[in-house]
């Protein structure tokens, strides 16, 4: 297992060189290995990422990426893809974004989006091995958040990657993307209501400076203001102001992922607004 990890890491020199090391315990003169546990360590720096059970199976960042790439290669409908790798905590957390430029959908005239897959993995056991569906708004390079989890291993030490049905899960990604595209198109015709704005902003838990910057962007993108000085914008525009802030203003990968998770929860408010609009008609 360790030889396989080392061979993969030679292809990805940015990543930590992860090893499994025994954990000594007991009095200084009677140290012995803790048989039930082991440490996940970067052998290049000595950084200890986590202490896990002896049965825990490491999924290396390299192994995770290669597994998804092999699955994508077997799905002809996905076409060419671009990758972007982001690291946090000295490489203890990794996200690889796969963007598919040959697949596109038009939300409004000239406003195109491409599907994305976000692969997350960690050695500090903060993130499970998870694949989520997302999208790239080509117009302003915003990363759009979709409330859909394609694949998630929450108990990684139980599994081997080859035993999992990742291929079937990713094969359905394009169908889910098309469904989400229709939902986004609907947002373009629904005006943002003050109550929806308040609920979403409360759910996002932005600090004062962030809230002010978002409000400034809303005012900039709005088609004027009503008699109560509330910006006249669609739910689609509001959603994109939020994703613009998350994509371009997050201070770190960890911060961005945290805000994306908040937005997934806040999307309930968008669905309520959509349902309310349908009833109104």
Protein backbone atom coordinates (compact mmCIF):
# COMPACT_ATOMS: atom_id res chain seq x y z
CA UNK A 1 0.00 0.00 0.00
CA UNK A 2 2.74 2.47 0.95
CA UNK A 3 4.71 1.72 -2.25
CA UNK A 4 1.56 2.52 -4.28
CA UNK A 5 1.10 5.82 -2.46
CA UNK A 6 4.75 6.81 -3.00
CA UNK A 7 4.56 5.96 -6.72
CA UNK A 8 1.46 8.15 -7.13
CA UNK A 9 3.02 11.02 -5.19
CA UNK A 10 5.95 11.15 -7.61
CA UNK A 11 3.41 12.34 -10.22
CA UNK A 12 2.06 15.10 -7.97
CA UNK A 13 5.09 16.80 -6.32
CA UNK A 14 2.89 19.56 -4.80
CA UNK A 15 1.17 17.06 -2.56
CA UNK A 16 2.44 15.83 0.82
CA UNK A 17 4.35 12.57 0.85
CA UNK A 18 2.00 10.73 3.17
CA UNK A 19 3.11 7.82 5.31
CA UNK A 20 1.59 5.79 8.10
CA UNK A 21 3.62 5.82 11.29
CA UNK A 22 3.20 4.02 14.63
CA UNK A 23 2.29 6.05 17.69
CA UNK A 24 4.54 5.57 20.74
CA UNK A 25 2.97 5.78 24.20
CA UNK A 26 3.76 5.05 27.81
CA UNK A 27 6.56 6.22 30.15
CA UNK A 28 9.71 7.55 28.50
CA UNK A 29 11.73 4.49 29.47
CA UNK A 30 8.99 2.03 28.42
CA UNK A 31 7.67 3.44 25.16
CA UNK A 32 5.71 1.06 22.97
CA UNK A 33 3.45 1.29 19.92
CA UNK A 34 -0.26 1.98 20.35
CA UNK A 35 -1.45 -1.05 18.42
CA UNK A 36 -4.97 0.24 17.79
CA UNK A 37 -3.92 3.55 16.23
CA UNK A 38 -1.54 5.07 13.70
CA UNK A 39 -0.52 8.56 12.57
CA UNK A 40 -0.93 10.00 9.07
CA UNK A 41 2.25 12.03 8.53
CA UNK A 42 3.88 14.09 5.78
CA UNK A 43 7.32 12.49 5.68
CA UNK A 44 8.76 15.57 3.93
CA UNK A 45 7.95 17.92 6.81
CA UNK A 46 7.10 15.69 9.76
CA UNK A 47 3.65 17.30 9.96
CA UNK A 48 1.12 15.02 11.67
CA UNK A 49 -2.23 15.35 9.91
CA UNK A 50 -4.29 13.04 12.12
CA UNK A 51 -4.41 10.04 14.44
CA UNK A 52 -6.68 7.29 13.10
CA UNK A 53 -7.57 3.68 13.86
CA UNK A 54 -5.25 0.96 12.58
CA UNK A 55 -7.93 -0.18 10.11
CA UNK A 56 -8.23 3.25 8.50
CA UNK A 57 -7.28 3.07 4.81
CA UNK A 58 -5.65 6.17 3.37
CA UNK A 59 -7.13 7.49 0.16
CA UNK A 60 -4.27 9.61 -1.17
CA UNK A 61 -5.05 12.82 -3.06
CA UNK A 62 -3.31 11.33 -6.08
CA UNK A 63 -5.30 8.12 -5.89
CA UNK A 64 -8.57 10.06 -5.54
CA UNK A 65 -7.86 12.25 -8.59
CA UNK A 66 -6.76 9.32 -10.74
CA UNK A 67 -9.88 7.39 -9.76
CA UNK A 68 -12.18 10.22 -10.88
CA UNK A 69 -10.16 10.80 -14.07
CA UNK A 70 -10.48 7.12 -14.97
CA UNK A 71 -14.25 7.30 -14.45
CA UNK A 72 -14.54 10.48 -16.55
CA UNK A 73 -12.55 8.82 -19.35
CA UNK A 74 -15.18 6.07 -19.53
CA UNK A 75 -18.03 8.58 -19.90
CA UNK A 76 -17.86 9.81 -23.50
CA UNK A 77 -20.68 12.32 -22.96
CA UNK A 78 -18.50 14.43 -20.62
CA UNK A 79 -15.87 15.25 -23.24
CA UNK A 80 -12.69 17.23 -22.57
CA UNK A 81 -12.09 18.61 -19.10
CA UNK A 82 -9.83 21.09 -17.30
CA UNK A 83 -8.60 20.60 -13.73
CA UNK A 84 -7.72 22.99 -10.93
CA UNK A 85 -6.22 21.79 -7.64
CA UNK A 86 -6.43 23.76 -4.39
CA UNK A 87 -4.78 22.79 -1.08
CA UNK A 88 -5.28 23.80 2.55
CA UNK A 89 -3.57 22.98 5.85
CA UNK A 90 -0.24 22.10 4.27
CA UNK A 91 -1.93 19.73 1.85
CA UNK A 92 -4.01 18.10 4.55
CA UNK A 93 -7.12 19.09 2.61
CA UNK A 94 -7.43 19.03 -1.16
CA UNK A 95 -10.06 19.95 -3.71
CA UNK A 96 -9.75 19.17 -7.40
CA UNK A 97 -12.26 20.86 -9.70
CA UNK A 98 -13.04 19.26 -13.06
CA UNK A 99 -14.66 21.66 -15.55
CA UNK A 100 -16.28 20.42 -18.78
CA UNK A 101 -16.15 23.24 -21.37
CA UNK A 102 -17.70 21.14 -24.16
CA UNK A 103 -20.97 20.96 -22.22
CA UNK A 104 -22.76 24.27 -21.86
CA UNK A 105 -26.21 25.65 -21.11
CA UNK A 106 -27.54 29.15 -21.66
CA UNK A 107 -29.42 30.64 -18.70
CA UNK A 108 -30.10 34.03 -20.25
CA UNK A 109 -29.01 35.30 -23.64
CA UNK A 110 -25.22 35.14 -23.73
CA UNK A 111 -25.02 33.83 -20.14
CA UNK A 112 -23.52 30.34 -20.39
CA UNK A 113 -22.54 27.83 -17.73
CA UNK A 114 -20.39 24.68 -17.80
CA UNK A 115 -20.79 21.73 -15.42
CA UNK A 116 -18.13 21.01 -12.82
CA UNK A 117 -17.29 18.16 -10.48
CA UNK A 118 -15.64 19.02 -7.17
CA UNK A 119 -13.56 16.26 -5.61
CA UNK A 120 -12.62 16.80 -1.96
CA UNK A 121 -10.31 14.65 0.14
CA UNK A 122 -8.33 15.12 3.35
CA UNK A 123 -5.65 13.58 5.52
CA UNK A 124 -6.69 15.56 8.60
CA UNK A 125 -10.08 13.73 8.43
CA UNK A 126 -11.93 17.06 8.21
CA UNK A 127 -13.40 16.32 4.77
CA UNK A 128 -14.54 12.90 3.60
CA UNK A 129 -13.84 11.69 0.09
CA UNK A 130 -16.73 13.48 -1.60
CA UNK A 131 -17.72 14.44 -5.15
CA UNK A 132 -20.22 17.27 -5.60
CA UNK A 133 -21.83 18.71 -8.70
CA UNK A 134 -21.23 22.38 -9.48
CA UNK A 135 -21.03 24.75 -12.43
CA UNK A 136 -18.89 27.55 -13.82
CA UNK A 137 -20.59 30.74 -14.99
CA UNK A 138 -18.44 31.63 -17.99
CA UNK A 139 -19.45 35.32 -18.00
CA UNK A 140 -17.61 36.13 -14.77
CA UNK A 141 -15.89 32.85 -13.79
CA UNK A 142 -18.21 32.36 -10.82
CA UNK A 143 -18.32 28.90 -9.30
CA UNK A 144 -22.01 28.04 -8.95
CA UNK A 145 -23.13 25.92 -6.02
CA UNK A 146 -25.62 23.11 -6.58
CA UNK A 147 -27.32 21.41 -3.67
CA UNK A 148 -26.45 17.96 -5.04
CA UNK A 149 -23.94 15.49 -3.66
CA UNK A 150 -22.83 13.04 -6.34
CA UNK A 151 -20.82 10.73 -4.13
CA UNK A 152 -19.68 10.60 -0.51
CA UNK A 153 -17.63 8.12 1.49
CA UNK A 154 -18.26 8.91 5.14
CA UNK A 155 -16.51 5.82 6.49
CA UNK A 156 -13.47 5.62 4.25
CA UNK A 157 -11.60 3.00 6.27
CA UNK A 158 -14.28 0.43 5.43
CA UNK A 159 -13.86 0.68 1.67
CA UNK A 160 -11.46 0.24 -1.18
CA UNK A 161 -12.08 2.75 -3.98
CA UNK A 162 -12.33 0.03 -6.63
CA UNK A 163 -15.25 -1.54 -4.75
CA UNK A 164 -17.40 1.59 -4.98
CA UNK A 165 -19.97 2.58 -7.59
CA UNK A 166 -18.41 5.93 -8.46
CA UNK A 167 -18.83 5.38 -12.20
CA UNK A 168 -22.61 5.03 -11.97
CA UNK A 169 -22.85 8.13 -9.78
CA UNK A 170 -20.86 10.37 -12.11
CA UNK A 171 -22.68 9.02 -15.18
CA UNK A 172 -25.83 10.69 -13.83
CA UNK A 173 -24.11 14.06 -13.38
CA UNK A 174 -25.12 15.44 -16.79
CA UNK A 175 -28.78 14.58 -16.18
CA UNK A 176 -28.70 16.36 -12.82
CA UNK A 177 -26.94 19.32 -14.43
CA UNK A 178 -29.74 19.69 -17.01
CA UNK A 179 -32.39 19.63 -14.28
CA UNK A 180 -30.52 22.27 -12.30
CA UNK A 181 -30.17 24.43 -15.42
CA UNK A 182 -33.96 24.61 -15.72
CA UNK A 183 -34.23 25.69 -12.09
CA UNK A 184 -31.70 28.48 -12.69
CA UNK A 185 -33.58 29.67 -15.77
CA UNK A 186 -36.69 29.99 -13.63
CA UNK A 187 -34.80 32.25 -11.22
CA UNK A 188 -34.30 34.86 -13.95
CA UNK A 189 -38.03 35.69 -13.97
CA UNK A 190 -38.54 35.89 -10.20
CA UNK A 191 -37.78 39.19 -8.42
CA UNK A 192 -35.85 39.13 -5.15
CA UNK A 193 -38.16 39.79 -2.21
CA UNK A 194 -36.85 41.50 0.95
CA UNK A 195 -37.83 38.50 3.08
CA UNK A 196 -35.87 36.13 0.85
CA UNK A 197 -32.89 38.47 1.01
CA UNK A 198 -33.04 38.58 4.82
CA UNK A 199 -33.37 34.81 5.18
CA UNK A 200 -30.48 34.07 2.83
CA UNK A 201 -28.15 36.66 4.36
CA UNK A 202 -28.94 35.39 7.85
CA UNK A 203 -28.24 31.81 6.74
CA UNK A 204 -24.92 32.82 5.15
CA UNK A 205 -23.68 34.45 8.39
CA UNK A 206 -21.62 37.09 6.61
CA UNK A 207 -19.57 39.52 8.66
CA UNK A 208 -20.23 43.26 8.47
CA UNK A 209 -17.62 44.00 5.79
CA UNK A 210 -18.73 41.07 3.62
CA UNK A 211 -22.40 42.08 3.90
CA UNK A 212 -21.56 45.65 2.89
CA UNK A 213 -19.53 44.48 -0.11
CA UNK A 214 -22.35 42.19 -1.21
CA UNK A 215 -24.90 44.99 -0.85
CA UNK A 216 -22.68 47.29 -2.92
CA UNK A 217 -22.49 44.65 -5.65
CA UNK A 218 -26.27 44.19 -5.57
CA UNK A 219 -26.80 47.93 -5.98
CA UNK A 220 -24.35 47.92 -8.89
CA UNK A 221 -26.08 45.03 -10.70
CA UNK A 222 -29.67 46.11 -9.94
CA UNK A 223 -32.08 47.61 -12.45
CA UNK A 224 -32.77 50.49 -10.10
CA UNK A 225 -34.56 50.57 -6.73
CA UNK A 226 -38.22 50.54 -5.69
CA UNK A 227 -39.98 53.17 -3.59
CA UNK A 228 -38.62 51.52 -0.44
CA UNK A 229 -35.07 51.77 -1.80
CA UNK A 230 -34.84 48.00 -2.24
CA UNK A 231 -32.80 46.82 -5.22
CA UNK A 232 -34.79 45.54 -8.20
CA UNK A 233 -33.00 42.33 -9.17
CA UNK A 234 -33.93 38.75 -10.00
CA UNK A 235 -33.20 35.75 -7.82
CA UNK A 236 -30.68 34.67 -10.47
CA UNK A 237 -28.76 37.95 -10.13
CA UNK A 238 -28.83 37.74 -6.33
CA UNK A 239 -27.61 34.15 -6.42
CA UNK A 240 -24.74 35.19 -8.68
CA UNK A 241 -23.73 38.06 -6.41
CA UNK A 242 -23.35 35.48 -3.63
CA UNK A 243 -21.35 33.08 -5.78
CA UNK A 244 -19.22 35.97 -7.04
CA UNK A 245 -18.30 36.82 -3.45
CA UNK A 246 -17.59 33.19 -2.54
CA UNK A 247 -15.50 32.59 -5.67
CA UNK A 248 -13.46 35.78 -5.72
CA UNK A 249 -13.37 37.00 -2.12
CA UNK A 250 -12.86 33.87 0.02
CA UNK A 251 -9.64 34.18 2.01
CA UNK A 252 -8.77 30.48 1.72
CA UNK A 253 -9.96 27.18 0.29
CA UNK A 254 -11.36 26.25 3.69
CA UNK A 255 -13.30 29.53 3.88
CA UNK A 256 -14.69 29.03 0.39
CA UNK A 257 -15.86 25.48 1.08
CA UNK A 258 -17.48 26.61 4.32
CA UNK A 259 -19.41 29.39 2.53
CA UNK A 260 -20.42 27.04 -0.30
CA UNK A 261 -21.89 24.66 2.27
CA UNK A 262 -23.83 27.55 3.82
CA UNK A 263 -25.17 28.51 0.41
CA UNK A 264 -26.34 24.95 -0.22
CA UNK A 265 -28.41 25.26 2.95
CA UNK A 266 -29.59 28.76 2.02
CA UNK A 267 -30.83 27.48 -1.35
CA UNK A 268 -33.91 26.28 0.51
CA UNK A 269 -34.91 29.97 0.59
CA UNK A 270 -34.57 30.16 -3.19
CA UNK A 271 -36.80 27.10 -3.61
CA UNK A 272 -39.42 28.62 -1.33
CA UNK A 273 -39.36 31.80 -3.39
CA UNK A 274 -39.77 29.77 -6.59
CA UNK A 275 -42.71 27.84 -5.15
CA UNK A 276 -44.30 31.05 -3.91
CA UNK A 277 -43.95 32.56 -7.37
CA UNK A 278 -45.71 29.58 -8.98
CA UNK A 279 -48.59 29.83 -6.52
CA UNK A 280 -48.84 33.53 -7.25
CA UNK A 281 -49.42 32.72 -10.89
